[in-house]
């Protein structure tokens, strides 16, 4: 079984083994928070918010040139 922790960016110690319990917790304790820019505070959520790699100013090699 997986252990699910509350994805709130605010300190929240809630954990459960049931995804339905996590959903109920989020809806009852963190209603509306999911609209925040820092939601969810999970590795995937943080990765999605990280800026893209800056593009290089170097021209790309064009093999057809």
Protein backbone atom coordinates (compact mmCIF):
# COMPACT_ATOMS: atom_id res chain seq x y z
CA UNK A 1 0.00 0.00 0.00
CA UNK A 2 1.06 3.57 -0.60
CA UNK A 3 1.07 6.25 2.03
CA UNK A 4 -0.42 9.50 0.83
CA UNK A 5 0.60 12.77 2.45
CA UNK A 6 -1.26 16.03 2.24
CA UNK A 7 0.05 18.03 -0.76
CA UNK A 8 -0.68 21.39 0.86
CA UNK A 9 2.22 23.87 0.72
CA UNK A 10 1.27 24.85 4.27
CA UNK A 11 2.43 22.57 7.08
CA UNK A 12 -0.12 19.74 7.32
CA UNK A 13 0.76 16.43 8.97
CA UNK A 14 -2.14 14.47 7.45
CA UNK A 15 -1.23 11.06 5.99
CA UNK A 16 -3.39 8.11 4.98
CA UNK A 17 -3.27 4.82 3.12
CA UNK A 18 -6.52 5.57 1.29
CA UNK A 19 -6.68 8.00 -1.63
CA UNK A 20 -10.36 8.65 -0.90
CA UNK A 21 -9.49 9.79 2.62
CA UNK A 22 -6.86 12.12 1.20
CA UNK A 23 -9.41 13.56 -1.23
CA UNK A 24 -11.92 14.10 1.58
CA UNK A 25 -9.23 15.75 3.70
CA UNK A 26 -8.23 18.12 0.89
CA UNK A 27 -11.83 19.06 0.19
CA UNK A 28 -12.70 19.65 3.84
CA UNK A 29 -9.49 21.20 5.17
CA UNK A 30 -7.93 22.85 2.13
CA UNK A 31 -10.89 23.86 0.00
CA UNK A 32 -9.81 26.40 -2.63
CA UNK A 33 -6.09 26.00 -1.90
CA UNK A 34 -5.64 23.91 -5.02
CA UNK A 35 -6.02 27.12 -7.03
CA UNK A 36 -2.82 28.52 -5.49
CA UNK A 37 0.25 28.73 -7.70
CA UNK A 38 2.29 26.69 -5.21
CA UNK A 39 -0.22 23.79 -5.09
CA UNK A 40 0.59 20.90 -4.91
CA UNK A 41 3.79 20.92 -2.94
CA UNK A 42 5.04 17.63 -4.32
CA UNK A 43 8.10 16.78 -6.43
CA UNK A 44 5.96 16.67 -9.59
CA UNK A 45 4.23 19.94 -8.72
CA UNK A 46 7.52 21.70 -8.04
CA UNK A 47 9.03 20.36 -11.28
CA UNK A 48 6.06 21.61 -13.27
CA UNK A 49 6.50 25.09 -11.82
CA UNK A 50 10.26 25.31 -12.31
CA UNK A 51 11.31 27.59 -15.15
CA UNK A 52 12.28 25.94 -18.40
CA UNK A 53 15.93 25.65 -19.23
CA UNK A 54 17.11 28.90 -20.81
CA UNK A 55 17.57 28.64 -24.53
CA UNK A 56 21.07 28.93 -25.82
CA UNK A 57 22.08 31.96 -27.89
CA UNK A 58 24.35 29.67 -29.93
CA UNK A 59 23.01 28.82 -33.38
CA UNK A 60 22.14 25.19 -33.87
CA UNK A 61 24.13 23.15 -36.35
CA UNK A 62 22.07 22.68 -39.46
CA UNK A 63 23.10 19.44 -41.19
CA UNK A 64 21.25 20.51 -44.36
CA UNK A 65 23.12 23.83 -44.67
